N, C-alpha and C. Protein backbone atom coordinates (compact mmCIF):
# COMPACT_ATOMS: atom_id res chain seq x y z
N MET A 1 3.76 -15.87 -29.99
CA MET A 1 4.81 -16.87 -29.93
C MET A 1 5.67 -16.60 -28.70
N SER A 2 6.02 -17.65 -27.98
CA SER A 2 6.81 -17.49 -26.76
C SER A 2 8.31 -17.46 -27.08
N THR A 3 9.05 -16.97 -26.11
CA THR A 3 10.50 -16.88 -26.23
C THR A 3 11.14 -17.38 -24.93
N THR A 4 12.29 -18.04 -25.04
CA THR A 4 12.99 -18.52 -23.86
C THR A 4 14.35 -17.85 -23.77
N SER A 5 14.64 -17.31 -22.61
CA SER A 5 15.94 -16.69 -22.34
C SER A 5 16.59 -17.43 -21.18
N THR A 6 17.91 -17.56 -21.24
CA THR A 6 18.64 -18.31 -20.22
C THR A 6 19.58 -17.38 -19.47
N TYR A 7 19.62 -17.57 -18.16
CA TYR A 7 20.43 -16.72 -17.27
C TYR A 7 21.26 -17.59 -16.34
N ALA A 8 22.36 -17.04 -15.85
CA ALA A 8 23.18 -17.70 -14.83
C ALA A 8 22.93 -16.98 -13.52
N VAL A 9 22.58 -17.74 -12.49
CA VAL A 9 22.29 -17.18 -11.18
C VAL A 9 23.23 -17.83 -10.16
N THR A 10 23.87 -17.00 -9.35
CA THR A 10 24.79 -17.52 -8.34
C THR A 10 24.17 -17.40 -6.95
N GLY A 11 24.65 -18.27 -6.05
CA GLY A 11 24.23 -18.22 -4.66
C GLY A 11 23.22 -19.27 -4.26
N MET A 12 22.61 -19.93 -5.22
CA MET A 12 21.63 -20.96 -4.88
C MET A 12 22.36 -22.25 -4.51
N THR A 13 21.91 -22.89 -3.43
CA THR A 13 22.59 -24.11 -2.98
C THR A 13 21.66 -25.31 -2.84
N CYS A 14 20.33 -25.08 -2.92
CA CYS A 14 19.40 -26.19 -2.68
C CYS A 14 18.09 -25.94 -3.42
N GLU A 15 17.19 -26.90 -3.32
CA GLU A 15 15.88 -26.78 -3.96
C GLU A 15 15.06 -25.63 -3.36
N HIS A 16 15.24 -25.35 -2.08
CA HIS A 16 14.54 -24.22 -1.47
C HIS A 16 14.96 -22.92 -2.15
N CYS A 17 16.24 -22.77 -2.42
CA CYS A 17 16.76 -21.59 -3.12
C CYS A 17 16.13 -21.48 -4.50
N ALA A 18 16.15 -22.60 -5.23
CA ALA A 18 15.59 -22.63 -6.58
C ALA A 18 14.11 -22.27 -6.56
N ARG A 19 13.38 -22.78 -5.59
CA ARG A 19 11.95 -22.49 -5.47
C ARG A 19 11.73 -21.00 -5.24
N ALA A 20 12.55 -20.38 -4.41
CA ALA A 20 12.41 -18.95 -4.14
C ALA A 20 12.61 -18.13 -5.41
N VAL A 21 13.62 -18.47 -6.19
CA VAL A 21 13.89 -17.76 -7.45
C VAL A 21 12.74 -18.01 -8.43
N ARG A 22 12.33 -19.25 -8.56
CA ARG A 22 11.24 -19.60 -9.48
C ARG A 22 9.97 -18.80 -9.13
N GLU A 23 9.61 -18.75 -7.87
CA GLU A 23 8.40 -18.05 -7.45
C GLU A 23 8.46 -16.56 -7.76
N GLU A 24 9.61 -15.94 -7.56
CA GLU A 24 9.75 -14.51 -7.85
C GLU A 24 9.63 -14.25 -9.36
N ILE A 25 10.29 -15.06 -10.16
CA ILE A 25 10.24 -14.85 -11.61
C ILE A 25 8.85 -15.13 -12.16
N GLU A 26 8.18 -16.14 -11.63
CA GLU A 26 6.84 -16.49 -12.10
C GLU A 26 5.83 -15.36 -11.87
N GLN A 27 6.12 -14.46 -10.98
CA GLN A 27 5.22 -13.33 -10.71
C GLN A 27 5.29 -12.25 -11.79
N LEU A 28 6.31 -12.29 -12.64
CA LEU A 28 6.46 -11.29 -13.69
C LEU A 28 5.40 -11.52 -14.77
N ASP A 29 4.85 -10.44 -15.29
CA ASP A 29 3.84 -10.53 -16.35
C ASP A 29 4.39 -11.24 -17.58
N GLY A 30 3.62 -12.17 -18.10
CA GLY A 30 3.98 -12.86 -19.33
C GLY A 30 4.78 -14.12 -19.17
N VAL A 31 5.25 -14.43 -17.95
CA VAL A 31 6.05 -15.63 -17.74
C VAL A 31 5.17 -16.87 -17.85
N ILE A 32 5.62 -17.81 -18.66
CA ILE A 32 4.91 -19.06 -18.88
C ILE A 32 5.52 -20.18 -18.05
N ALA A 33 6.86 -20.23 -18.03
CA ALA A 33 7.55 -21.30 -17.31
C ALA A 33 8.94 -20.84 -16.88
N VAL A 34 9.42 -21.43 -15.78
CA VAL A 34 10.77 -21.19 -15.28
C VAL A 34 11.40 -22.55 -15.02
N ASP A 35 12.51 -22.83 -15.68
CA ASP A 35 13.21 -24.11 -15.51
C ASP A 35 14.59 -23.81 -14.93
N ILE A 36 14.91 -24.45 -13.80
CA ILE A 36 16.17 -24.19 -13.12
C ILE A 36 17.01 -25.46 -13.07
N ASP A 37 18.24 -25.34 -13.55
CA ASP A 37 19.23 -26.41 -13.46
C ASP A 37 20.17 -26.02 -12.32
N LEU A 38 19.91 -26.54 -11.13
CA LEU A 38 20.64 -26.14 -9.93
C LEU A 38 22.07 -26.67 -9.94
N ALA A 39 23.02 -25.77 -9.73
CA ALA A 39 24.43 -26.11 -9.59
C ALA A 39 24.87 -25.56 -8.24
N ALA A 40 24.68 -26.34 -7.19
CA ALA A 40 24.97 -25.89 -5.83
C ALA A 40 26.39 -25.35 -5.72
N GLY A 41 26.49 -24.12 -5.26
CA GLY A 41 27.79 -23.50 -5.07
C GLY A 41 28.39 -22.89 -6.33
N GLY A 42 27.71 -23.04 -7.46
CA GLY A 42 28.21 -22.48 -8.72
C GLY A 42 27.15 -21.61 -9.37
N SER A 43 27.21 -21.51 -10.68
CA SER A 43 26.20 -20.76 -11.43
C SER A 43 25.12 -21.71 -11.90
N SER A 44 23.92 -21.48 -11.44
CA SER A 44 22.78 -22.29 -11.85
C SER A 44 22.16 -21.69 -13.11
N ARG A 45 21.70 -22.56 -14.01
CA ARG A 45 21.07 -22.12 -15.25
C ARG A 45 19.58 -21.93 -14.99
N VAL A 46 19.08 -20.75 -15.34
CA VAL A 46 17.66 -20.45 -15.18
C VAL A 46 17.12 -20.08 -16.56
N ALA A 47 16.21 -20.90 -17.07
CA ALA A 47 15.58 -20.65 -18.36
C ALA A 47 14.17 -20.12 -18.12
N VAL A 48 13.89 -18.97 -18.70
CA VAL A 48 12.60 -18.32 -18.52
C VAL A 48 11.88 -18.26 -19.86
N THR A 49 10.71 -18.87 -19.92
CA THR A 49 9.88 -18.81 -21.11
C THR A 49 8.75 -17.83 -20.85
N ALA A 50 8.59 -16.88 -21.78
CA ALA A 50 7.59 -15.83 -21.61
C ALA A 50 6.91 -15.54 -22.95
N ASP A 51 5.78 -14.84 -22.87
CA ASP A 51 5.05 -14.45 -24.07
C ASP A 51 5.90 -13.58 -24.99
N THR A 52 6.67 -12.68 -24.39
CA THR A 52 7.58 -11.79 -25.11
C THR A 52 8.87 -11.68 -24.30
N PRO A 53 9.96 -11.27 -24.93
CA PRO A 53 11.20 -11.12 -24.16
C PRO A 53 11.02 -10.15 -23.00
N LEU A 54 11.54 -10.52 -21.84
CA LEU A 54 11.42 -9.67 -20.65
C LEU A 54 12.66 -8.80 -20.53
N PRO A 55 12.51 -7.56 -20.09
CA PRO A 55 13.67 -6.70 -19.86
C PRO A 55 14.59 -7.32 -18.79
N LEU A 56 15.88 -7.21 -19.00
CA LEU A 56 16.86 -7.77 -18.08
C LEU A 56 16.67 -7.24 -16.66
N HIS A 57 16.33 -5.97 -16.53
CA HIS A 57 16.18 -5.40 -15.19
C HIS A 57 15.05 -6.07 -14.42
N GLN A 58 14.02 -6.58 -15.11
CA GLN A 58 12.93 -7.27 -14.42
C GLN A 58 13.41 -8.62 -13.89
N ILE A 59 14.16 -9.34 -14.70
CA ILE A 59 14.70 -10.63 -14.26
C ILE A 59 15.67 -10.41 -13.10
N ARG A 60 16.56 -9.44 -13.25
CA ARG A 60 17.53 -9.14 -12.19
C ARG A 60 16.80 -8.78 -10.89
N GLY A 61 15.77 -7.96 -10.98
CA GLY A 61 15.02 -7.56 -9.80
C GLY A 61 14.37 -8.75 -9.10
N ALA A 62 13.80 -9.67 -9.88
CA ALA A 62 13.16 -10.85 -9.30
C ALA A 62 14.18 -11.75 -8.62
N VAL A 63 15.32 -11.95 -9.26
CA VAL A 63 16.38 -12.79 -8.69
C VAL A 63 16.91 -12.17 -7.41
N GLU A 64 17.14 -10.87 -7.42
CA GLU A 64 17.65 -10.18 -6.23
C GLU A 64 16.62 -10.16 -5.11
N GLU A 65 15.34 -10.05 -5.46
CA GLU A 65 14.27 -10.09 -4.45
C GLU A 65 14.28 -11.42 -3.72
N ALA A 66 14.65 -12.49 -4.45
CA ALA A 66 14.72 -13.83 -3.84
C ALA A 66 16.00 -13.99 -3.02
N GLY A 67 16.95 -13.04 -3.16
CA GLY A 67 18.17 -13.08 -2.36
C GLY A 67 19.39 -13.63 -3.08
N TYR A 68 19.35 -13.63 -4.42
CA TYR A 68 20.46 -14.21 -5.19
C TYR A 68 20.97 -13.20 -6.20
N HIS A 69 21.96 -13.60 -7.00
CA HIS A 69 22.62 -12.68 -7.91
C HIS A 69 22.55 -13.19 -9.34
N LEU A 70 22.10 -12.32 -10.24
CA LEU A 70 22.09 -12.64 -11.66
C LEU A 70 23.50 -12.39 -12.19
N ALA A 71 24.19 -13.48 -12.56
CA ALA A 71 25.58 -13.36 -13.01
C ALA A 71 25.65 -12.94 -14.47
N THR A 72 24.89 -13.60 -15.34
CA THR A 72 24.92 -13.30 -16.77
C THR A 72 23.58 -13.58 -17.40
N ALA A 73 23.39 -13.02 -18.55
CA ALA A 73 22.22 -13.32 -19.39
C ALA A 73 22.76 -13.93 -20.67
N ALA A 74 22.37 -15.14 -20.97
CA ALA A 74 22.87 -15.82 -22.15
C ALA A 74 22.09 -15.40 -23.39
N SER A 75 20.82 -15.78 -23.47
CA SER A 75 20.04 -15.42 -24.65
C SER A 75 18.58 -15.39 -24.32
């Protein structure tokens, strides 16, 4: 059964930014889908659906690799 966790990511301003974050997260083992609600200049909502819950440090690492900041983890 899959699980979806939602995160707030800051620093993204355009679709190119969102694509970079999506591509990094999609490389993590078990990721099924990444849905990004872009809020240019604010905190964008990033929903990650995976086979099992992913450790926060993996999500943070992927977001930072793309050049952005994981502000919070919702659920």
